[in-house]
Amino acid sequence: MQNLFKIVIVLLLIISGFTVVGQVFASSVSSPQQEKRVVVEPGDTLWSIAVKNKPSDMRTVVYIEAIKRYNDLNGANIEAGVVLSVPVYK
């Protein structure tokens, strides 16, 4: 019974992973028209920057991935004073 539960959990994680990846690629179909520069302020996170700058119909996690791609970021760590390029979609 425990093995079946573990298999179900793993399958759910795999399916949810494909869903996120699919949404990232689906959102990248509409290419940004331009970019703007944002100076990271103390206390800013990629999430807070994404919420302020993303289109209203885009999921925040998708926009965060776009910011990470634009700035060659591997993780979510950013420091105050850094200038980030964020995509602008029209």
PDB file of N, CA and C in Angstrom:
ATOM      1  N   MET A   1       0.820  -1.196   0.000  1.00  0.00           N
ATOM      2  CA  MET A   1       0.000   0.000   0.000  1.00  0.00           C
ATOM      3  C   MET A   1       0.861   1.256   0.000  1.00  0.00           C
ATOM      4  N   GLN A   2       1.954   1.252   0.784  1.00  0.00           N
ATOM      5  CA  GLN A   2       2.838   2.408   0.832  1.00  0.00           C
ATOM      6  C   GLN A   2       3.528   2.628  -0.508  1.00  0.00           C
ATOM      7  N   ASN A   3       3.889   1.530  -1.169  1.00  0.00           N
ATOM      8  CA  ASN A   3       4.538   1.665  -2.473  1.00  0.00           C
ATOM      9  C   ASN A   3       3.598   2.294  -3.497  1.00  0.00           C
ATOM     10  N   LEU A   4       2.346   1.910  -3.463  1.00  0.00           N
ATOM     11  CA  LEU A   4       1.361   2.493  -4.372  1.00  0.00           C
ATOM     12  C   LEU A   4       1.206   3.980  -4.101  1.00  0.00           C
ATOM     13  N   PHE A   5       1.172   4.360  -2.841  1.00  0.00           N
ATOM     14  CA  PHE A   5       1.069   5.772  -2.468  1.00  0.00           C
ATOM     15  C   PHE A   5       2.282   6.553  -2.985  1.00  0.00           C
ATOM     16  N   LYS A   6       3.468   5.990  -2.833  1.00  0.00           N
ATOM     17  CA  LYS A   6       4.683   6.651  -3.319  1.00  0.00           C
ATOM     18  C   LYS A   6       4.658   6.813  -4.837  1.00  0.00           C
ATOM     19  N   ILE A   7       4.206   5.812  -5.537  1.00  0.00           N
ATOM     20  CA  ILE A   7       4.131   5.878  -7.002  1.00  0.00           C
ATOM     21  C   ILE A   7       3.145   6.959  -7.434  1.00  0.00           C
ATOM     22  N   VAL A   8       2.010   7.035  -6.768  1.00  0.00           N
ATOM     23  CA  VAL A   8       1.009   8.062  -7.092  1.00  0.00           C
ATOM     24  C   VAL A   8       1.587   9.454  -6.848  1.00  0.00           C
ATOM     25  N   ILE A   9       2.283   9.650  -5.753  1.00  0.00           N
ATOM     26  CA  ILE A   9       2.898  10.948  -5.441  1.00  0.00           C
ATOM     27  C   ILE A   9       3.925  11.316  -6.511  1.00  0.00           C
ATOM     28  N   VAL A  10       4.780  10.376  -6.875  1.00  0.00           N
ATOM     29  CA  VAL A  10       5.801  10.643  -7.903  1.00  0.00           C
ATOM     30  C   VAL A  10       5.137  11.006  -9.225  1.00  0.00           C
ATOM     31  N   LEU A  11       4.114  10.283  -9.612  1.00  0.00           N
ATOM     32  CA  LEU A  11       3.413  10.586 -10.867  1.00  0.00           C
ATOM     33  C   LEU A  11       2.775  11.975 -10.824  1.00  0.00           C
ATOM     34  N   LEU A  12       2.189  12.345  -9.698  1.00  0.00           N
ATOM     35  CA  LEU A  12       1.605  13.683  -9.570  1.00  0.00           C
ATOM     36  C   LEU A  12       2.666  14.768  -9.682  1.00  0.00           C
ATOM     37  N   LEU A  13       3.822  14.548  -9.086  1.00  0.00           N
ATOM     38  CA  LEU A  13       4.913  15.517  -9.179  1.00  0.00           C
ATOM     39  C   LEU A  13       5.409  15.648 -10.621  1.00  0.00           C
ATOM     40  N   ILE A  14       5.516  14.536 -11.310  1.00  0.00           N
ATOM     41  CA  ILE A  14       5.958  14.573 -12.706  1.00  0.00           C
ATOM     42  C   ILE A  14       4.952  15.317 -13.566  1.00  0.00           C
ATOM     43  N   ILE A  15       3.679  15.033 -13.389  1.00  0.00           N
ATOM     44  CA  ILE A  15       2.635  15.698 -14.165  1.00  0.00           C
ATOM     45  C   ILE A  15       2.620  17.193 -13.886  1.00  0.00           C
ATOM     46  N   SER A  16       2.738  17.580 -12.615  1.00  0.00           N
ATOM     47  CA  SER A  16       2.735  19.009 -12.295  1.00  0.00           C
ATOM     48  C   SER A  16       3.980  19.683 -12.854  1.00  0.00           C
ATOM     49  N   GLY A  17       5.105  18.995 -12.886  1.00  0.00           N
ATOM     50  CA  GLY A  17       6.320  19.546 -13.483  1.00  0.00           C
ATOM     51  C   GLY A  17       6.141  19.806 -14.964  1.00  0.00           C
ATOM     52  N   PHE A  18       5.519  18.883 -15.682  1.00  0.00           N
ATOM     53  CA  PHE A  18       5.261  19.086 -17.104  1.00  0.00           C
ATOM     54  C   PHE A  18       4.306  20.244 -17.331  1.00  0.00           C
ATOM     55  N   THR A  19       3.365  20.438 -16.439  1.00  0.00           N
ATOM     56  CA  THR A  19       2.416  21.543 -16.566  1.00  0.00           C
ATOM     57  C   THR A  19       3.141  22.873 -16.470  1.00  0.00           C
ATOM     58  N   VAL A  20       4.038  23.027 -15.510  1.00  0.00           N
ATOM     59  CA  VAL A  20       4.792  24.282 -15.353  1.00  0.00           C
ATOM     60  C   VAL A  20       5.681  24.516 -16.561  1.00  0.00           C
ATOM     61  N   VAL A  21       6.383  23.480 -17.011  1.00  0.00           N
ATOM     62  CA  VAL A  21       7.262  23.617 -18.171  1.00  0.00           C
ATOM     63  C   VAL A  21       6.447  23.996 -19.401  1.00  0.00           C
ATOM     64  N   GLY A  22       5.307  23.384 -19.575  1.00  0.00           N
ATOM     65  CA  GLY A  22       4.449  23.716 -20.714  1.00  0.00           C
ATOM     66  C   GLY A  22       3.986  25.152 -20.677  1.00  0.00           C
ATOM     67  N   GLN A  23       3.674  25.658 -19.498  1.00  0.00           N
ATOM     68  CA  GLN A  23       3.233  27.048 -19.386  1.00  0.00           C
ATOM     69  C   GLN A  23       4.372  28.008 -19.665  1.00  0.00           C
ATOM     70  N   VAL A  24       5.586  27.657 -19.269  1.00  0.00           N
ATOM     71  CA  VAL A  24       6.743  28.515 -19.544  1.00  0.00           C
ATOM     72  C   VAL A  24       6.950  28.604 -21.043  1.00  0.00           C
ATOM     73  N   PHE A  25       6.910  27.460 -21.731  1.00  0.00           N
ATOM     74  CA  PHE A  25       7.122  27.484 -23.173  1.00  0.00           C
ATOM     75  C   PHE A  25       5.952  28.121 -23.905  1.00  0.00           C
ATOM     76  N   ALA A  26       4.745  27.935 -23.435  1.00  0.00           N
ATOM     77  CA  ALA A  26       3.585  28.551 -24.072  1.00  0.00           C
ATOM     78  C   ALA A  26       3.643  30.061 -23.940  1.00  0.00           C
ATOM     79  N   SER A  27       4.109  30.546 -22.811  1.00  0.00           N
ATOM     80  CA  SER A  27       4.194  31.988 -22.611  1.00  0.00           C
ATOM     81  C   SER A  27       5.323  32.601 -23.414  1.00  0.00           C
ATOM     82  N   SER A  28       6.359  31.818 -23.718  1.00  0.00           N
ATOM     83  CA  SER A  28       7.472  32.378 -24.468  1.00  0.00           C
ATOM     84  C   SER A  28       7.130  32.537 -25.938  1.00  0.00           C
ATOM     85  N   VAL A  29       5.982  32.001 -26.373  1.00  0.00           N
ATOM     86  CA  VAL A  29       5.567  32.152 -27.762  1.00  0.00           C
ATOM     87  C   VAL A  29       5.339  33.623 -28.078  1.00  0.00           C
ATOM     88  N   SER A  30       4.685  34.348 -27.168  1.00  0.00           N
ATOM     89  CA  SER A  30       4.517  35.783 -27.384  1.00  0.00           C
ATOM     90  C   SER A  30       5.784  36.464 -26.875  1.00  0.00           C
ATOM     91  N   SER A  31       6.624  36.851 -27.796  1.00  0.00           N
ATOM     92  CA  SER A  31       7.913  37.434 -27.433  1.00  0.00           C
ATOM     93  C   SER A  31       7.738  38.841 -26.896  1.00  0.00           C
ATOM     94  N   PRO A  32       8.593  39.191 -25.950  1.00  0.00           N
ATOM     95  CA  PRO A  32       8.521  40.561 -25.436  1.00  0.00           C
ATOM     96  C   PRO A  32       8.892  41.560 -26.529  1.00  0.00           C
ATOM     97  N   GLN A  33       8.243  42.706 -26.513  1.00  0.00           N
ATOM     98  CA  GLN A  33       8.490  43.731 -27.509  1.00  0.00           C
ATOM     99  C   GLN A  33       9.709  44.570 -27.162  1.00  0.00           C
ATOM    100  N   GLN A  34       9.999  44.668 -25.891  1.00  0.00           N
ATOM    101  CA  GLN A  34      11.131  45.458 -25.431  1.00  0.00           C
ATOM    102  C   GLN A  34      11.482  45.014 -24.026  1.00  0.00           C
ATOM    103  N   GLU A  35      12.430  45.699 -23.440  1.00  0.00           N
ATOM    104  CA  GLU A  35      12.777  45.405 -22.053  1.00  0.00           C
ATOM    105  C   GLU A  35      12.980  46.719 -21.326  1.00  0.00           C
ATOM    106  N   LYS A  36      12.918  46.624 -20.010  1.00  0.00           N
ATOM    107  CA  LYS A  36      13.214  47.802 -19.214  1.00  0.00           C
ATOM    108  C   LYS A  36      14.160  47.394 -18.103  1.00  0.00           C
ATOM    109  N   ARG A  37      14.828  48.356 -17.548  1.00  0.00           N
ATOM    110  CA  ARG A  37      15.798  48.113 -16.485  1.00  0.00           C
ATOM    111  C   ARG A  37      15.153  48.427 -15.143  1.00  0.00           C
ATOM    112  N   VAL A  38      15.419  47.571 -14.171  1.00  0.00           N
ATOM    113  CA  VAL A  38      14.899  47.735 -12.825  1.00  0.00           C
ATOM    114  C   VAL A  38      16.073  47.633 -11.859  1.00  0.00           C
ATOM    115  N   VAL A  39      16.205  48.617 -10.975  1.00  0.00           N
ATOM    116  CA  VAL A  39      17.233  48.557  -9.941  1.00  0.00           C
ATOM    117  C   VAL A  39      16.650  47.828  -8.736  1.00  0.00           C
ATOM    118  N   VAL A  40      17.338  46.794  -8.296  1.00  0.00           N
ATOM    119  CA  VAL A  40      16.878  46.003  -7.153  1.00  0.00           C
ATOM    120  C   VAL A  40      17.060  46.827  -5.880  1.00  0.00           C
ATOM    121  N   GLU A  41      15.971  47.016  -5.164  1.00  0.00           N
ATOM    122  CA  GLU A  41      15.973  47.762  -3.908  1.00  0.00           C
ATOM    123  C   GLU A  41      16.099  46.781  -2.744  1.00  0.00           C
ATOM    124  N   PRO A  42      16.577  47.247  -1.574  1.00  0.00           N
ATOM    125  CA  PRO A  42      16.644  46.358  -0.408  1.00  0.00           C
ATOM    126  C   PRO A  42      15.269  45.746  -0.124  1.00  0.00           C
ATOM    127  N   GLY A  43      15.240  44.448   0.077  1.00  0.00           N
ATOM    128  CA  GLY A  43      13.985  43.745   0.360  1.00  0.00           C
ATOM    129  C   GLY A  43      13.282  43.213  -0.881  1.00  0.00           C
ATOM    130  N   ASP A  44      13.708  43.633  -2.073  1.00  0.00           N
ATOM    131  CA  ASP A  44      13.102  43.123  -3.303  1.00  0.00           C
ATOM    132  C   ASP A  44      13.426  41.649  -3.488  1.00  0.00           C
ATOM    133  N   THR A  45      12.489  40.936  -4.099  1.00  0.00           N
ATOM    134  CA  THR A  45      12.688  39.545  -4.499  1.00  0.00           C
ATOM    135  C   THR A  45      12.287  39.444  -5.957  1.00  0.00           C
ATOM    136  N   LEU A  46      12.643  38.350  -6.600  1.00  0.00           N
ATOM    137  CA  LEU A  46      12.183  38.158  -7.979  1.00  0.00           C
ATOM    138  C   LEU A  46      10.658  38.152  -8.021  1.00  0.00           C
ATOM    139  N   TRP A  47      10.037  37.601  -6.996  1.00  0.00           N
ATOM    140  CA  TRP A  47       8.580  37.560  -6.947  1.00  0.00           C
ATOM    141  C   TRP A  47       7.998  38.972  -6.914  1.00  0.00           C
ATOM    142  N   SER A  48       8.521  39.830  -6.041  1.00  0.00           N
ATOM    143  CA  SER A  48       7.965  41.186  -5.923  1.00  0.00           C
ATOM    144  C   SER A  48       8.210  41.996  -7.202  1.00  0.00           C
ATOM    145  N   ILE A  49       9.372  41.808  -7.812  1.00  0.00           N
ATOM    146  CA  ILE A  49       9.659  42.504  -9.067  1.00  0.00           C
ATOM    147  C   ILE A  49       8.736  41.997 -10.173  1.00  0.00           C
ATOM    148  N   ALA A  50       8.506  40.696 -10.210  1.00  0.00           N
ATOM    149  CA  ALA A  50       7.618  40.119 -11.226  1.00  0.00           C
ATOM    150  C   ALA A  50       6.192  40.629 -11.057  1.00  0.00           C
ATOM    151  N   VAL A  51       5.708  40.671  -9.824  1.00  0.00           N
ATOM    152  CA  VAL A  51       4.334  41.130  -9.575  1.00  0.00           C
ATOM    153  C   VAL A  51       4.147  42.570 -10.055  1.00  0.00           C
ATOM    154  N   LYS A  52       5.178  43.407  -9.862  1.00  0.00           N
ATOM    155  CA  LYS A  52       5.089  44.813 -10.269  1.00  0.00           C
ATOM    156  C   LYS A  52       5.160  45.002 -11.780  1.00  0.00           C
ATOM    157  N   ASN A  53       5.796  44.084 -12.512  1.00  0.00           N
ATOM    158  CA  ASN A  53       6.107  44.318 -13.917  1.00  0.00           C
ATOM    159  C   ASN A  53       5.453  43.375 -14.917  1.00  0.00           C
ATOM    160  N   LYS A  54       4.875  42.291 -14.473  1.00  0.00           N
ATOM    161  CA  LYS A  54       4.327  41.294 -15.401  1.00  0.00           C
ATOM    162  C   LYS A  54       2.983  41.735 -15.970  1.00  0.00           C
ATOM    163  N   PRO A  55       2.620  41.207 -17.141  1.00  0.00           N
ATOM    164  CA  PRO A  55       1.269  41.436 -17.646  1.00  0.00           C
ATOM    165  C   PRO A  55       0.248  40.791 -16.713  1.00  0.00           C
ATOM    166  N   SER A  56      -0.922  41.360 -16.625  1.00  0.00           N
ATOM    167  CA  SER A  56      -1.928  40.864 -15.684  1.00  0.00           C
ATOM    168  C   SER A  56      -2.391  39.444 -16.001  1.00  0.00           C
ATOM    169  N   ASP A  57      -2.276  39.036 -17.255  1.00  0.00           N
ATOM    170  CA  ASP A  57      -2.746  37.701 -17.624  1.00  0.00           C
ATOM    171  C   ASP A  57      -1.640  36.645 -17.599  1.00  0.00           C
ATOM    172  N   MET A  58      -0.464  36.989 -17.078  1.00  0.00           N
ATOM    173  CA  MET A  58       0.649  36.048 -17.019  1.00  0.00           C
ATOM    174  C   MET A  58       0.869  35.600 -15.580  1.00  0.00           C
ATOM    175  N   ARG A  59       1.126  34.330 -15.417  1.00  0.00           N
ATOM    176  CA  ARG A  59       1.422  33.793 -14.084  1.00  0.00           C
ATOM    177  C   ARG A  59       2.765  34.334 -13.613  1.00  0.00           C
ATOM    178  N   THR A  60       2.851  34.623 -12.336  1.00  0.00           N
ATOM    179  CA  THR A  60       4.059  35.206 -11.759  1.00  0.00           C
ATOM    180  C   THR A  60       5.268  34.289 -11.946  1.00  0.00           C
ATOM    181  N   VAL A  61       5.099  32.995 -11.762  1.00  0.00           N
ATOM    182  CA  VAL A  61       6.231  32.067 -11.899  1.00  0.00           C
ATOM    183  C   VAL A  61       6.771  32.061 -13.326  1.00  0.00           C
ATOM    184  N   VAL A  62       5.908  32.228 -14.292  1.00  0.00           N
ATOM    185  CA  VAL A  62       6.338  32.266 -15.692  1.00  0.00           C
ATOM    186  C   VAL A  62       7.165  33.519 -15.943  1.00  0.00           C
ATOM    187  N   TYR A  63       6.711  34.652 -15.398  1.00  0.00           N
ATOM    188  CA  TYR A  63       7.443  35.905 -15.583  1.00  0.00           C
ATOM    189  C   TYR A  63       8.793  35.857 -14.861  1.00  0.00           C
ATOM    190  N   ILE A  64       8.844  35.222 -13.705  1.00  0.00           N
ATOM    191  CA  ILE A  64      10.108  35.066 -12.990  1.00  0.00           C
ATOM    192  C   ILE A  64      11.102  34.287 -13.845  1.00  0.00           C
ATOM    193  N   GLU A  65      10.639  33.236 -14.494  1.00  0.00           N
ATOM    194  CA  GLU A  65      11.521  32.465 -15.373  1.00  0.00           C
ATOM    195  C   GLU A  65      12.042  33.333 -16.522  1.00  0.00           C
ATOM    196  N   ALA A  66      11.198  34.222 -17.035  1.00  0.00           N
ATOM    197  CA  ALA A  66      11.637  35.134 -18.097  1.00  0.00           C
ATOM    198  C   ALA A  66      12.712  36.086 -17.574  1.00  0.00           C
ATOM    199  N   ILE A  67      12.521  36.619 -16.374  1.00  0.00           N
ATOM    200  CA  ILE A  67      13.536  37.498 -15.775  1.00  0.00           C
ATOM    201  C   ILE A  67      14.849  36.736 -15.607  1.00  0.00           C
ATOM    202  N   LYS A  68      14.764  35.511 -15.136  1.00  0.00           N
ATOM    203  CA  LYS A  68      15.965  34.713 -14.935  1.00  0.00           C
ATOM    204  C   LYS A  68      16.682  34.451 -16.259  1.00  0.00           C
ATOM    205  N   ARG A  69      15.923  34.174 -17.315  1.00  0.00           N
ATOM    206  CA  ARG A  69      16.541  33.955 -18.631  1.00  0.00           C
ATOM    207  C   ARG A  69      17.205  35.229 -19.135  1.00  0.00           C
ATOM    208  N   TYR A  70      16.522  36.365 -19.023  1.00  0.00           N
ATOM    209  CA  TYR A  70      17.043  37.652 -19.488  1.00  0.00           C
ATOM    210  C   TYR A  70      18.349  38.022 -18.801  1.00  0.00           C
ATOM    211  N   ASN A  71      18.501  37.621 -17.562  1.00  0.00           N
ATOM    212  CA  ASN A  71      19.644  38.052 -16.762  1.00  0.00           C
ATOM    213  C   ASN A  71      20.623  36.928 -16.436  1.00  0.00           C
ATOM    214  N   ASP A  72      20.444  35.789 -17.084  1.00  0.00           N
ATOM    215  CA  ASP A  72      21.312  34.625 -16.866  1.00  0.00           C
ATOM    216  C   ASP A  72      21.437  34.267 -15.390  1.00  0.00           C
ATOM    217  N   LEU A  73      20.309  34.250 -14.695  1.00  0.00           N
ATOM    218  CA  LEU A  73      20.289  33.886 -13.279  1.00  0.00           C
ATOM    219  C   LEU A  73      20.003  32.397 -13.142  1.00  0.00           C
ATOM    220  N   ASN A  74      20.742  31.734 -12.277  1.00  0.00           N
ATOM    221  CA  ASN A  74      20.506  30.310 -12.029  1.00  0.00           C
ATOM    222  C   ASN A  74      19.562  30.084 -10.859  1.00  0.00           C
ATOM    223  N   GLY A  75      19.522  31.032  -9.949  1.00  0.00           N
ATOM    224  CA  GLY A  75      18.675  30.892  -8.771  1.00  0.00           C
ATOM    225  C   GLY A  75      17.847  32.135  -8.568  1.00  0.00           C
ATOM    226  N   ALA A  76      17.287  32.247  -7.379  1.00  0.00           N
ATOM    227  CA  ALA A  76      16.408  33.373  -7.071  1.00  0.00           C
ATOM    228  C   ALA A  76      17.106  34.466  -6.274  1.00  0.00           C
ATOM    229  N   ASN A  77      18.384  34.295  -5.986  1.00  0.00           N
ATOM    230  CA  ASN A  77      19.098  35.274  -5.178  1.00  0.00           C
ATOM    231  C   ASN A  77      19.458  36.510  -5.994  1.00  0.00           C
ATOM    232  N   ILE A  78      19.041  37.666  -5.493  1.00  0.00           N
ATOM    233  CA  ILE A  78      19.402  38.943  -6.103  1.00  0.00           C
ATOM    234  C   ILE A  78      19.838  39.887  -4.983  1.00  0.00           C
ATOM    235  N   GLU A  79      20.674  40.842  -5.333  1.00  0.00           N
ATOM    236  CA  GLU A  79      21.187  41.771  -4.328  1.00  0.00           C
ATOM    237  C   GLU A  79      20.750  43.189  -4.639  1.00  0.00           C
ATOM    238  N   ALA A  80      20.540  43.970  -3.596  1.00  0.00           N
ATOM    239  CA  ALA A  80      20.184  45.380  -3.758  1.00  0.00           C
ATOM    240  C   ALA A  80      21.277  46.080  -4.565  1.00  0.00           C
ATOM    241  N   GLY A  81      20.842  46.956  -5.459  1.00  0.00           N
ATOM    242  CA  GLY A  81      21.768  47.716  -6.283  1.00  0.00           C
ATOM    243  C   GLY A  81      22.009  47.116  -7.651  1.00  0.00           C
ATOM    244  N   VAL A  82      21.692  45.845  -7.813  1.00  0.00           N
ATOM    245  CA  VAL A  82      21.859  45.189  -9.107  1.00  0.00           C
ATOM    246  C   VAL A  82      20.794  45.711 -10.067  1.00  0.00           C
ATOM    247  N   VAL A  83      21.169  45.894 -11.326  1.00  0.00           N
ATOM    248  CA  VAL A  83      20.215  46.327 -12.345  1.00  0.00           C
ATOM    249  C   VAL A  83      19.799  45.095 -13.138  1.00  0.00           C
ATOM    250  N   LEU A  84      18.497  44.824 -13.153  1.00  0.00           N
ATOM    251  CA  LEU A  84      17.949  43.694 -13.894  1.00  0.00           C
ATOM    252  C   LEU A  84      17.214  44.190 -15.133  1.00  0.00           C
ATOM    253  N   SER A  85      17.292  43.401 -16.191  1.00  0.00           N
ATOM    254  CA  SER A  85      16.464  43.646 -17.368  1.00  0.00           C
ATOM    255  C   SER A  85      15.209  42.800 -17.223  1.00  0.00           C
ATOM    256  N   VAL A  86      14.058  43.428 -17.381  1.00  0.00           N
ATOM    257  CA  VAL A  86      12.800  42.694 -17.320  1.00  0.00           C
ATOM    258  C   VAL A  86      12.073  42.846 -18.648  1.00  0.00           C
ATOM    259  N   PRO A  87      11.458  41.788 -19.147  1.00  0.00           N
ATOM    260  CA  PRO A  87      10.767  41.866 -20.432  1.00  0.00           C
ATOM    261  C   PRO A  87       9.487  42.676 -20.323  1.00  0.00           C
ATOM    262  N   VAL A  88       9.178  43.380 -21.407  1.00  0.00           N
ATOM    263  CA  VAL A  88       7.933  44.137 -21.499  1.00  0.00           C
ATOM    264  C   VAL A  88       7.123  43.539 -22.640  1.00  0.00           C
ATOM    265  N   TYR A  89       5.962  43.008 -22.322  1.00  0.00           N
ATOM    266  CA  TYR A  89       5.076  42.393 -23.315  1.00  0.00           C
ATOM    267  C   TYR A  89       3.978  43.387 -23.660  1.00  0.00           C
ATOM    268  N   LYS A  90       3.624  43.443 -24.927  1.00  0.00           N
ATOM    269  CA  LYS A  90       2.532  44.348 -25.349  1.00  0.00           C
ATOM    270  C   LYS A  90       1.356  43.558 -25.815  1.00  0.00           C
TER     271      LYS A  90
END
